[in-house]
Amino acid sequence: EWDAVELPSQFMENWLYDKTTMEMI
C-alpha cells in the first residue's frame, strides 16, 4: 500500500542520530 511504502526509507534516516553509526559513516 502506497502509504506504507516509505516505512523502510524513513526508518533508515533515524540511524544518523546513533553515535556508533555516525562513527562508521
mmCIF file of all heavy atoms, coordinates in Angstrom:
data_MODEL
# 
_entry.id   MODEL 
# 
loop_
_atom_site.group_PDB 
_atom_site.id 
_atom_site.type_symbol 
_atom_site.label_atom_id 
_atom_site.label_alt_id 
_atom_site.label_comp_id 
_atom_site.label_asym_id 
_atom_site.label_entity_id 
_atom_site.label_seq_id 
_atom_site.pdbx_PDB_ins_code 
_atom_site.Cartn_x 
_atom_site.Cartn_y 
_atom_site.Cartn_z 
_atom_site.occupancy 
_atom_site.B_iso_or_equiv 
_atom_site.pdbx_formal_charge 
_atom_site.auth_seq_id 
_atom_site.auth_comp_id 
_atom_site.auth_asym_id 
_atom_site.auth_atom_id 
_atom_site.pdbx_PDB_model_num 
ATOM 1   N N   . GLU A 1 1  ? 0.842  -1.191 0.000  1.00 0.00 ? 1  GLU A N   1 
ATOM 2   C CA  . GLU A 1 1  ? 0.000  0.000  0.000  1.00 0.00 ? 1  GLU A CA  1 
ATOM 3   C C   . GLU A 1 1  ? 0.881  1.246  0.000  1.00 0.00 ? 1  GLU A C   1 
ATOM 4   O O   . GLU A 1 1  ? 1.849  1.338  0.752  1.00 0.00 ? 1  GLU A O   1 
ATOM 5   C CB  . GLU A 1 1  ? -0.927 -0.010 1.216  1.00 0.00 ? 1  GLU A CB  1 
ATOM 6   C CG  . GLU A 1 1  ? -2.162 -0.878 1.050  1.00 0.00 ? 1  GLU A CG  1 
ATOM 7   C CD  . GLU A 1 1  ? -1.926 -2.372 1.096  1.00 0.00 ? 1  GLU A CD  1 
ATOM 8   O OE1 . GLU A 1 1  ? -0.758 -2.796 1.264  1.00 0.00 ? 1  GLU A OE1 1 
ATOM 9   O OE2 . GLU A 1 1  ? -2.894 -3.149 0.951  1.00 0.00 ? 1  GLU A OE2 1 
ATOM 10  N N   . TRP A 1 2  ? 0.514  2.212  -0.847 1.00 0.00 ? 2  TRP A N   1 
ATOM 11  C CA  . TRP A 1 2  ? 1.381  3.359  -1.110 1.00 0.00 ? 2  TRP A CA  1 
ATOM 12  C C   . TRP A 1 2  ? 1.726  4.139  0.154  1.00 0.00 ? 2  TRP A C   1 
ATOM 13  O O   . TRP A 1 2  ? 2.834  4.663  0.286  1.00 0.00 ? 2  TRP A O   1 
ATOM 14  C CB  . TRP A 1 2  ? 0.708  4.282  -2.129 1.00 0.00 ? 2  TRP A CB  1 
ATOM 15  C CG  . TRP A 1 2  ? 1.629  5.320  -2.684 1.00 0.00 ? 2  TRP A CG  1 
ATOM 16  C CD1 . TRP A 1 2  ? 1.700  6.625  -2.330 1.00 0.00 ? 2  TRP A CD1 1 
ATOM 17  C CD2 . TRP A 1 2  ? 2.610  5.125  -3.699 1.00 0.00 ? 2  TRP A CD2 1 
ATOM 18  N NE1 . TRP A 1 2  ? 2.676  7.262  -3.066 1.00 0.00 ? 2  TRP A NE1 1 
ATOM 19  C CE2 . TRP A 1 2  ? 3.246  6.363  -3.913 1.00 0.00 ? 2  TRP A CE2 1 
ATOM 20  C CE3 . TRP A 1 2  ? 3.013  4.010  -4.448 1.00 0.00 ? 2  TRP A CE3 1 
ATOM 21  C CZ2 . TRP A 1 2  ? 4.268  6.534  -4.846 1.00 0.00 ? 2  TRP A CZ2 1 
ATOM 22  C CZ3 . TRP A 1 2  ? 4.032  4.183  -5.380 1.00 0.00 ? 2  TRP A CZ3 1 
ATOM 23  C CH2 . TRP A 1 2  ? 4.646  5.424  -5.566 1.00 0.00 ? 2  TRP A CH2 1 
ATOM 24  N N   . ASP A 1 3  ? 0.800  4.216  1.099  1.00 0.00 ? 3  ASP A N   1 
ATOM 25  C CA  . ASP A 1 3  ? 1.073  4.987  2.303  1.00 0.00 ? 3  ASP A CA  1 
ATOM 26  C C   . ASP A 1 3  ? 1.901  4.211  3.324  1.00 0.00 ? 3  ASP A C   1 
ATOM 27  O O   . ASP A 1 3  ? 2.153  4.708  4.429  1.00 0.00 ? 3  ASP A O   1 
ATOM 28  C CB  . ASP A 1 3  ? -0.219 5.523  2.947  1.00 0.00 ? 3  ASP A CB  1 
ATOM 29  C CG  . ASP A 1 3  ? -1.397 4.579  2.845  1.00 0.00 ? 3  ASP A CG  1 
ATOM 30  O OD1 . ASP A 1 3  ? -1.194 3.431  2.435  1.00 0.00 ? 3  ASP A OD1 1 
ATOM 31  O OD2 . ASP A 1 3  ? -2.524 4.996  3.179  1.00 0.00 ? 3  ASP A OD2 1 
ATOM 32  N N   . ALA A 1 4  ? 2.348  3.016  2.966  1.00 0.00 ? 4  ALA A N   1 
ATOM 33  C CA  . ALA A 1 4  ? 3.270  2.268  3.826  1.00 0.00 ? 4  ALA A CA  1 
ATOM 34  C C   . ALA A 1 4  ? 4.636  2.102  3.183  1.00 0.00 ? 4  ALA A C   1 
ATOM 35  O O   . ALA A 1 4  ? 5.577  1.638  3.832  1.00 0.00 ? 4  ALA A O   1 
ATOM 36  C CB  . ALA A 1 4  ? 2.687  0.886  4.147  1.00 0.00 ? 4  ALA A CB  1 
ATOM 37  N N   . VAL A 1 5  ? 4.761  2.494  1.923  1.00 0.00 ? 5  VAL A N   1 
ATOM 38  C CA  . VAL A 1 5  ? 5.976  2.197  1.175  1.00 0.00 ? 5  VAL A CA  1 
ATOM 39  C C   . VAL A 1 5  ? 7.174  3.012  1.667  1.00 0.00 ? 5  VAL A C   1 
ATOM 40  O O   . VAL A 1 5  ? 8.331  2.635  1.433  1.00 0.00 ? 5  VAL A O   1 
ATOM 41  C CB  . VAL A 1 5  ? 5.731  2.418  -0.339 1.00 0.00 ? 5  VAL A CB  1 
ATOM 42  C CG1 . VAL A 1 5  ? 5.823  3.885  -0.707 1.00 0.00 ? 5  VAL A CG1 1 
ATOM 43  C CG2 . VAL A 1 5  ? 6.674  1.568  -1.184 1.00 0.00 ? 5  VAL A CG2 1 
ATOM 44  N N   . GLU A 1 6  ? 6.919  4.121  2.389  1.00 0.00 ? 6  GLU A N   1 
ATOM 45  C CA  . GLU A 1 6  ? 8.016  4.933  2.899  1.00 0.00 ? 6  GLU A CA  1 
ATOM 46  C C   . GLU A 1 6  ? 8.538  4.451  4.259  1.00 0.00 ? 6  GLU A C   1 
ATOM 47  O O   . GLU A 1 6  ? 9.479  5.040  4.797  1.00 0.00 ? 6  GLU A O   1 
ATOM 48  C CB  . GLU A 1 6  ? 7.582  6.394  3.021  1.00 0.00 ? 6  GLU A CB  1 
ATOM 49  C CG  . GLU A 1 6  ? 7.227  7.080  1.717  1.00 0.00 ? 6  GLU A CG  1 
ATOM 50  C CD  . GLU A 1 6  ? 8.417  7.307  0.812  1.00 0.00 ? 6  GLU A CD  1 
ATOM 51  O OE1 . GLU A 1 6  ? 9.557  7.353  1.318  1.00 0.00 ? 6  GLU A OE1 1 
ATOM 52  O OE2 . GLU A 1 6  ? 8.218  7.437  -0.409 1.00 0.00 ? 6  GLU A OE2 1 
ATOM 53  N N   . LEU A 1 7  ? 7.976  3.402  4.799  1.00 0.00 ? 7  LEU A N   1 
ATOM 54  C CA  . LEU A 1 7  ? 8.393  2.942  6.125  1.00 0.00 ? 7  LEU A CA  1 
ATOM 55  C C   . LEU A 1 7  ? 9.890  2.587  6.166  1.00 0.00 ? 7  LEU A C   1 
ATOM 56  O O   . LEU A 1 7  ? 10.625 3.125  7.002  1.00 0.00 ? 7  LEU A O   1 
ATOM 57  C CB  . LEU A 1 7  ? 7.527  1.748  6.561  1.00 0.00 ? 7  LEU A CB  1 
ATOM 58  C CG  . LEU A 1 7  ? 7.585  1.288  8.017  1.00 0.00 ? 7  LEU A CG  1 
ATOM 59  C CD1 . LEU A 1 7  ? 6.450  0.316  8.309  1.00 0.00 ? 7  LEU A CD1 1 
ATOM 60  C CD2 . LEU A 1 7  ? 8.896  0.650  8.431  1.00 0.00 ? 7  LEU A CD2 1 
ATOM 61  N N   . PRO A 1 8  ? 10.409 1.706  5.309  1.00 0.00 ? 8  PRO A N   1 
ATOM 62  C CA  . PRO A 1 8  ? 11.826 1.352  5.404  1.00 0.00 ? 8  PRO A CA  1 
ATOM 63  C C   . PRO A 1 8  ? 12.762 2.527  5.115  1.00 0.00 ? 8  PRO A C   1 
ATOM 64  O O   . PRO A 1 8  ? 13.846 2.620  5.706  1.00 0.00 ? 8  PRO A O   1 
ATOM 65  C CB  . PRO A 1 8  ? 11.986 0.251  4.343  1.00 0.00 ? 8  PRO A CB  1 
ATOM 66  C CG  . PRO A 1 8  ? 10.610 -0.254 4.083  1.00 0.00 ? 8  PRO A CG  1 
ATOM 67  C CD  . PRO A 1 8  ? 9.718  0.927  4.260  1.00 0.00 ? 8  PRO A CD  1 
ATOM 68  N N   . SER A 1 9  ? 12.346 3.407  4.210  1.00 0.00 ? 9  SER A N   1 
ATOM 69  C CA  . SER A 1 9  ? 13.218 4.522  3.840  1.00 0.00 ? 9  SER A CA  1 
ATOM 70  C C   . SER A 1 9  ? 13.350 5.525  4.986  1.00 0.00 ? 9  SER A C   1 
ATOM 71  O O   . SER A 1 9  ? 14.457 5.956  5.321  1.00 0.00 ? 9  SER A O   1 
ATOM 72  C CB  . SER A 1 9  ? 12.682 5.212  2.582  1.00 0.00 ? 9  SER A CB  1 
ATOM 73  O OG  . SER A 1 9  ? 11.344 5.636  2.759  1.00 0.00 ? 9  SER A OG  1 
ATOM 74  N N   . GLN A 1 10 ? 12.226 5.889  5.585  1.00 0.00 ? 10 GLN A N   1 
ATOM 75  C CA  . GLN A 1 10 ? 12.282 6.840  6.692  1.00 0.00 ? 10 GLN A CA  1 
ATOM 76  C C   . GLN A 1 10 ? 12.866 6.192  7.949  1.00 0.00 ? 10 GLN A C   1 
ATOM 77  O O   . GLN A 1 10 ? 13.495 6.871  8.768  1.00 0.00 ? 10 GLN A O   1 
ATOM 78  C CB  . GLN A 1 10 ? 10.883 7.409  6.949  1.00 0.00 ? 10 GLN A CB  1 
ATOM 79  C CG  . GLN A 1 10 ? 10.400 8.226  5.758  1.00 0.00 ? 10 GLN A CG  1 
ATOM 80  C CD  . GLN A 1 10 ? 9.074  8.926  5.984  1.00 0.00 ? 10 GLN A CD  1 
ATOM 81  O OE1 . GLN A 1 10 ? 8.949  10.108 5.749  1.00 0.00 ? 10 GLN A OE1 1 
ATOM 82  N NE2 . GLN A 1 10 ? 8.069  8.191  6.417  1.00 0.00 ? 10 GLN A NE2 1 
ATOM 83  N N   . PHE A 1 11 ? 12.684 4.896  8.095  1.00 0.00 ? 11 PHE A N   1 
ATOM 84  C CA  . PHE A 1 11 ? 13.312 4.166  9.195  1.00 0.00 ? 11 PHE A CA  1 
ATOM 85  C C   . PHE A 1 11 ? 14.833 4.309  9.146  1.00 0.00 ? 11 PHE A C   1 
ATOM 86  O O   . PHE A 1 11 ? 15.484 4.551  10.172 1.00 0.00 ? 11 PHE A O   1 
ATOM 87  C CB  . PHE A 1 11 ? 12.914 2.685  9.113  1.00 0.00 ? 11 PHE A CB  1 
ATOM 88  C CG  . PHE A 1 11 ? 13.806 1.760  9.884  1.00 0.00 ? 11 PHE A CG  1 
ATOM 89  C CD1 . PHE A 1 11 ? 13.629 1.583  11.247 1.00 0.00 ? 11 PHE A CD1 1 
ATOM 90  C CD2 . PHE A 1 11 ? 14.820 1.059  9.248  1.00 0.00 ? 11 PHE A CD2 1 
ATOM 91  C CE1 . PHE A 1 11 ? 14.455 0.733  11.967 1.00 0.00 ? 11 PHE A CE1 1 
ATOM 92  C CE2 . PHE A 1 11 ? 15.647 0.204  9.960  1.00 0.00 ? 11 PHE A CE2 1 
ATOM 93  C CZ  . PHE A 1 11 ? 15.466 0.041  11.324 1.00 0.00 ? 11 PHE A CZ  1 
ATOM 94  N N   . MET A 1 12 ? 15.412 4.203  7.962  1.00 0.00 ? 12 MET A N   1 
ATOM 95  C CA  . MET A 1 12 ? 16.869 4.256  7.841  1.00 0.00 ? 12 MET A CA  1 
ATOM 96  C C   . MET A 1 12 ? 17.439 5.622  8.225  1.00 0.00 ? 12 MET A C   1 
ATOM 97  O O   . MET A 1 12 ? 18.567 5.717  8.713  1.00 0.00 ? 12 MET A O   1 
ATOM 98  C CB  . MET A 1 12 ? 17.293 3.894  6.420  1.00 0.00 ? 12 MET A CB  1 
ATOM 99  C CG  . MET A 1 12 ? 17.165 2.429  6.064  1.00 0.00 ? 12 MET A CG  1 
ATOM 100 S SD  . MET A 1 12 ? 18.191 1.338  7.098  1.00 0.00 ? 12 MET A SD  1 
ATOM 101 C CE  . MET A 1 12 ? 19.841 1.915  6.688  1.00 0.00 ? 12 MET A CE  1 
ATOM 102 N N   . GLU A 1 13 ? 16.673 6.685  8.037  1.00 0.00 ? 13 GLU A N   1 
ATOM 103 C CA  . GLU A 1 13 ? 17.159 8.024  8.371  1.00 0.00 ? 13 GLU A CA  1 
ATOM 104 C C   . GLU A 1 13 ? 17.480 8.154  9.859  1.00 0.00 ? 13 GLU A C   1 
ATOM 105 O O   . GLU A 1 13 ? 18.370 8.925  10.251 1.00 0.00 ? 13 GLU A O   1 
ATOM 106 C CB  . GLU A 1 13 ? 16.120 9.073  7.982  1.00 0.00 ? 13 GLU A CB  1 
ATOM 107 C CG  . GLU A 1 13 ? 15.865 9.191  6.490  1.00 0.00 ? 13 GLU A CG  1 
ATOM 108 C CD  . GLU A 1 13 ? 14.774 10.207 6.188  1.00 0.00 ? 13 GLU A CD  1 
ATOM 109 O OE1 . GLU A 1 13 ? 14.549 11.092 7.042  1.00 0.00 ? 13 GLU A OE1 1 
ATOM 110 O OE2 . GLU A 1 13 ? 14.151 10.122 5.117  1.00 0.00 ? 13 GLU A OE2 1 
ATOM 111 N N   . ASN A 1 14 ? 16.777 7.408  10.710 1.00 0.00 ? 14 ASN A N   1 
ATOM 112 C CA  . ASN A 1 14 ? 16.977 7.514  12.156 1.00 0.00 ? 14 ASN A CA  1 
ATOM 113 C C   . ASN A 1 14 ? 18.391 7.134  12.587 1.00 0.00 ? 14 ASN A C   1 
ATOM 114 O O   . ASN A 1 14 ? 18.862 7.592  13.634 1.00 0.00 ? 14 ASN A O   1 
ATOM 115 C CB  . ASN A 1 14 ? 15.963 6.631  12.892 1.00 0.00 ? 14 ASN A CB  1 
ATOM 116 C CG  . ASN A 1 14 ? 14.545 7.151  12.777 1.00 0.00 ? 14 ASN A CG  1 
ATOM 117 O OD1 . ASN A 1 14 ? 14.169 8.121  13.414 1.00 0.00 ? 14 ASN A OD1 1 
ATOM 118 N ND2 . ASN A 1 14 ? 13.751 6.495  11.945 1.00 0.00 ? 14 ASN A ND2 1 
ATOM 119 N N   . TRP A 1 15 ? 19.065 6.312  11.795 1.00 0.00 ? 15 TRP A N   1 
ATOM 120 C CA  . TRP A 1 15 ? 20.384 5.832  12.205 1.00 0.00 ? 15 TRP A CA  1 
ATOM 121 C C   . TRP A 1 15 ? 21.446 6.922  12.175 1.00 0.00 ? 15 TRP A C   1 
ATOM 122 O O   . TRP A 1 15 ? 22.523 6.748  12.760 1.00 0.00 ? 15 TRP A O   1 
ATOM 123 C CB  . TRP A 1 15 ? 20.799 4.641  11.338 1.00 0.00 ? 15 TRP A CB  1 
ATOM 124 C CG  . TRP A 1 15 ? 19.971 3.439  11.647 1.00 0.00 ? 15 TRP A CG  1 
ATOM 125 C CD1 . TRP A 1 15 ? 18.911 2.965  10.952 1.00 0.00 ? 15 TRP A CD1 1 
ATOM 126 C CD2 . TRP A 1 15 ? 20.103 2.591  12.793 1.00 0.00 ? 15 TRP A CD2 1 
ATOM 127 N NE1 . TRP A 1 15 ? 18.369 1.870  11.573 1.00 0.00 ? 15 TRP A NE1 1 
ATOM 128 C CE2 . TRP A 1 15 ? 19.084 1.610  12.703 1.00 0.00 ? 15 TRP A CE2 1 
ATOM 129 C CE3 . TRP A 1 15 ? 20.985 2.550  13.873 1.00 0.00 ? 15 TRP A CE3 1 
ATOM 130 C CZ2 . TRP A 1 15 ? 18.928 0.613  13.665 1.00 0.00 ? 15 TRP A CZ2 1 
ATOM 131 C CZ3 . TRP A 1 15 ? 20.829 1.555  14.832 1.00 0.00 ? 15 TRP A CZ3 1 
ATOM 132 C CH2 . TRP A 1 15 ? 19.806 0.608  14.722 1.00 0.00 ? 15 TRP A CH2 1 
ATOM 133 N N   . LEU A 1 16 ? 21.159 8.039  11.540 1.00 0.00 ? 16 LEU A N   1 
ATOM 134 C CA  . LEU A 1 16 ? 22.136 9.124  11.517 1.00 0.00 ? 16 LEU A CA  1 
ATOM 135 C C   . LEU A 1 16 ? 22.318 9.744  12.898 1.00 0.00 ? 16 LEU A C   1 
ATOM 136 O O   . LEU A 1 16 ? 23.294 10.470 13.134 1.00 0.00 ? 16 LEU A O   1 
ATOM 137 C CB  . LEU A 1 16 ? 21.701 10.204 10.527 1.00 0.00 ? 16 LEU A CB  1 
ATOM 138 C CG  . LEU A 1 16 ? 21.640 9.783  9.060  1.00 0.00 ? 16 LEU A CG  1 
ATOM 139 C CD1 . LEU A 1 16 ? 21.221 10.952 8.182  1.00 0.00 ? 16 LEU A CD1 1 
ATOM 140 C CD2 . LEU A 1 16 ? 22.983 9.245  8.605  1.00 0.00 ? 16 LEU A CD2 1 
ATOM 141 N N   . TYR A 1 17 ? 21.386 9.489  13.802 1.00 0.00 ? 17 TYR A N   1 
ATOM 142 C CA  . TYR A 1 17 ? 21.468 10.053 15.146 1.00 0.00 ? 17 TYR A CA  1 
ATOM 143 C C   . TYR A 1 17 ? 21.934 9.023  16.170 1.00 0.00 ? 17 TYR A C   1 
ATOM 144 O O   . TYR A 1 17 ? 21.804 9.227  17.373 1.00 0.00 ? 17 TYR A O   1 
ATOM 145 C CB  . TYR A 1 17 ? 20.110 10.643 15.531 1.00 0.00 ? 17 TYR A CB  1 
ATOM 146 C CG  . TYR A 1 17 ? 19.676 11.710 14.554 1.00 0.00 ? 17 TYR A CG  1 
ATOM 147 C CD1 . TYR A 1 17 ? 18.851 11.400 13.471 1.00 0.00 ? 17 TYR A CD1 1 
ATOM 148 C CD2 . TYR A 1 17 ? 20.140 13.013 14.674 1.00 0.00 ? 17 TYR A CD2 1 
ATOM 149 C CE1 . TYR A 1 17 ? 18.480 12.372 12.552 1.00 0.00 ? 17 TYR A CE1 1 
ATOM 150 C CE2 . TYR A 1 17 ? 19.785 13.989 13.753 1.00 0.00 ? 17 TYR A CE2 1 
ATOM 151 C CZ  . TYR A 1 17 ? 18.950 13.657 12.697 1.00 0.00 ? 17 TYR A CZ  1 
ATOM 152 O OH  . TYR A 1 17 ? 18.605 14.617 11.780 1.00 0.00 ? 17 TYR A OH  1 
ATOM 153 N N   . ASP A 1 18 ? 22.492 7.931  15.671 1.00 0.00 ? 18 ASP A N   1 
ATOM 154 C CA  . ASP A 1 18 ? 23.098 6.898  16.513 1.00 0.00 ? 18 ASP A CA  1 
ATOM 155 C C   . ASP A 1 18 ? 24.607 7.107  16.498 1.00 0.00 ? 18 ASP A C   1 
ATOM 156 O O   . ASP A 1 18 ? 25.231 7.183  15.435 1.00 0.00 ? 18 ASP A O   1 
ATOM 157 C CB  . ASP A 1 18 ? 22.731 5.508  15.984 1.00 0.00 ? 18 ASP A CB  1 
ATOM 158 C CG  . ASP A 1 18 ? 23.590 4.417  16.583 1.00 0.00 ? 18 ASP A CG  1 
ATOM 159 O OD1 . ASP A 1 18 ? 23.725 4.380  17.815 1.00 0.00 ? 18 ASP A OD1 1 
ATOM 160 O OD2 . ASP A 1 18 ? 24.154 3.617  15.804 1.00 0.00 ? 18 ASP A OD2 1 
ATOM 161 N N   . LYS A 1 19 ? 25.212 7.220  17.660 1.00 0.00 ? 19 LYS A N   1 
ATOM 162 C CA  . LYS A 1 19 ? 26.633 7.552  17.765 1.00 0.00 ? 19 LYS A CA  1 
ATOM 163 C C   . LYS A 1 19 ? 27.519 6.539  17.042 1.00 0.00 ? 19 LYS A C   1 
ATOM 164 O O   . LYS A 1 19 ? 28.444 6.911  16.309 1.00 0.00 ? 19 LYS A O   1 
ATOM 165 C CB  . LYS A 1 19 ? 27.032 7.639  19.237 1.00 0.00 ? 19 LYS A CB  1 
ATOM 166 C CG  . LYS A 1 19 ? 28.501 7.995  19.440 1.00 0.00 ? 19 LYS A CG  1 
ATOM 167 C CD  . LYS A 1 19 ? 28.857 8.052  20.918 1.00 0.00 ? 19 LYS A CD  1 
ATOM 168 C CE  . LYS A 1 19 ? 30.339 8.347  21.098 1.00 0.00 ? 19 LYS A CE  1 
ATOM 169 N NZ  . LYS A 1 19 ? 30.726 8.391  22.546 1.00 0.00 ? 19 LYS A NZ  1 
ATOM 170 N N   . THR A 1 20 ? 27.252 5.257  17.237 1.00 0.00 ? 20 THR A N   1 
ATOM 171 C CA  . THR A 1 20 ? 28.087 4.225  16.603 1.00 0.00 ? 20 THR A CA  1 
ATOM 172 C C   . THR A 1 20 ? 27.988 4.300  15.088 1.00 0.00 ? 20 THR A C   1 
ATOM 173 O O   . THR A 1 20 ? 28.993 4.184  14.375 1.00 0.00 ? 20 THR A O   1 
ATOM 174 C CB  . THR A 1 20 ? 27.670 2.823  17.082 1.00 0.00 ? 20 THR A CB  1 
ATOM 175 O OG1 . THR A 1 20 ? 27.734 2.775  18.512 1.00 0.00 ? 20 THR A OG1 1 
ATOM 176 C CG2 . THR A 1 20 ? 28.573 1.761  16.483 1.00 0.00 ? 20 THR A CG2 1 
ATOM 177 N N   . THR A 1 21 ? 26.790 4.511  14.591 1.00 0.00 ? 21 THR A N   1 
ATOM 178 C CA  . THR A 1 21 ? 26.618 4.645  13.143 1.00 0.00 ? 21 THR A CA  1 
ATOM 179 C C   . THR A 1 21 ? 27.357 5.874  12.633 1.00 0.00 ? 21 THR A C   1 
ATOM 180 O O   . THR A 1 21 ? 28.016 5.821  11.582 1.00 0.00 ? 21 THR A O   1 
ATOM 181 C CB  . THR A 1 21 ? 25.127 4.747  12.793 1.00 0.00 ? 21 THR A CB  1 
ATOM 182 O OG1 . THR A 1 21 ? 24.453 3.575  13.234 1.00 0.00 ? 21 THR A OG1 1 
ATOM 183 C CG2 . THR A 1 21 ? 24.933 4.912  11.289 1.00 0.00 ? 21 THR A CG2 1 
ATOM 184 N N   . MET A 1 22 ? 27.266 6.987  13.354 1.00 0.00 ? 22 MET A N   1 
ATOM 185 C CA  . MET A 1 22 ? 27.960 8.201  12.923 1.00 0.00 ? 22 MET A CA  1 
ATOM 186 C C   . MET A 1 22 ? 29.465 7.971  12.847 1.00 0.00 ? 22 MET A C   1 
ATOM 187 O O   . MET A 1 22 ? 30.141 8.480  11.934 1.00 0.00 ? 22 MET A O   1 
ATOM 188 C CB  . MET A 1 22 ? 27.631 9.350  13.879 1.00 0.00 ? 22 MET A CB  1 
ATOM 189 C CG  . MET A 1 22 ? 28.274 10.678 13.502 1.00 0.00 ? 22 MET A CG  1 
ATOM 190 S SD  . MET A 1 22 ? 27.895 11.203 11.802 1.00 0.00 ? 22 MET A SD  1 
ATOM 191 C CE  . MET A 1 22 ? 26.135 11.535 11.934 1.00 0.00 ? 22 MET A CE  1 
ATOM 192 N N   . GLU A 1 23 ? 29.998 7.213  13.755 1.00 0.00 ? 23 GLU A N   1 
ATOM 193 C CA  . GLU A 1 23 ? 31.431 6.909  13.712 1.00 0.00 ? 23 GLU A CA  1 
ATOM 194 C C   . GLU A 1 23 ? 31.785 6.063  12.492 1.00 0.00 ? 23 GLU A C   1 
ATOM 195 O O   . GLU A 1 23 ? 32.889 6.162  11.957 1.00 0.00 ? 23 GLU A O   1 
ATOM 196 C CB  . GLU A 1 23 ? 31.845 6.190  14.998 1.00 0.00 ? 23 GLU A CB  1 
ATOM 197 C CG  . GLU A 1 23 ? 31.807 7.092  16.229 1.00 0.00 ? 23 GLU A CG  1 
ATOM 198 C CD  . GLU A 1 23 ? 32.103 6.344  17.512 1.00 0.00 ? 23 GLU A CD  1 
ATOM 199 O OE1 . GLU A 1 23 ? 32.117 5.085  17.484 1.00 0.00 ? 23 GLU A OE1 1 
ATOM 200 O OE2 . GLU A 1 23 ? 32.307 7.005  18.547 1.00 0.00 ? 23 GLU A OE2 1 
ATOM 201 N N   . MET A 1 24 ? 30.839 5.256  12.034 1.00 0.00 ? 24 MET A N   1 
ATOM 202 C CA  . MET A 1 24 ? 31.098 4.414  10.861 1.00 0.00 ? 24 MET A CA  1 
ATOM 203 C C   . MET A 1 24 ? 31.014 5.202  9.561  1.00 0.00 ? 24 MET A C   1 
ATOM 204 O O   . MET A 1 24 ? 31.761 4.945  8.620  1.00 0.00 ? 24 MET A O   1 
ATOM 205 C CB  . MET A 1 24 ? 30.110 3.245  10.821 1.00 0.00 ? 24 MET A CB  1 
ATOM 206 C CG  . MET A 1 24 ? 30.308 2.225  11.925 1.00 0.00 ? 24 MET A CG  1 
ATOM 207 S SD  . MET A 1 24 ? 29.371 0.691  11.666 1.00 0.00 ? 24 MET A SD  1 
ATOM 208 C CE  . MET A 1 24 ? 27.683 1.269  11.777 1.00 0.00 ? 24 MET A CE  1 
ATOM 209 N N   . ILE A 1 25 ? 30.104 6.178  9.486  1.00 0.00 ? 25 ILE A N   1 
ATOM 210 C CA  . ILE A 1 25 ? 29.869 6.849  8.207  1.00 0.00 ? 25 ILE A CA  1 
ATOM 211 C C   . ILE A 1 25 ? 30.651 8.145  8.050  1.00 0.00 ? 25 ILE A C   1 
ATOM 212 O O   . ILE A 1 25 ? 30.705 8.709  6.950  1.00 0.00 ? 25 ILE A O   1 
ATOM 213 C CB  . ILE A 1 25 ? 28.374 7.151  7.996  1.00 0.00 ? 25 ILE A CB  1 
ATOM 214 C CG1 . ILE A 1 25 ? 27.867 8.195  9.000  1.00 0.00 ? 25 ILE A CG1 1 
ATOM 215 C CG2 . ILE A 1 25 ? 27.547 5.880  8.028  1.00 0.00 ? 25 ILE A CG2 1 
ATOM 216 C CD1 . ILE A 1 25 ? 26.467 8.690  8.731  1.00 0.00 ? 25 ILE A CD1 1 
# 
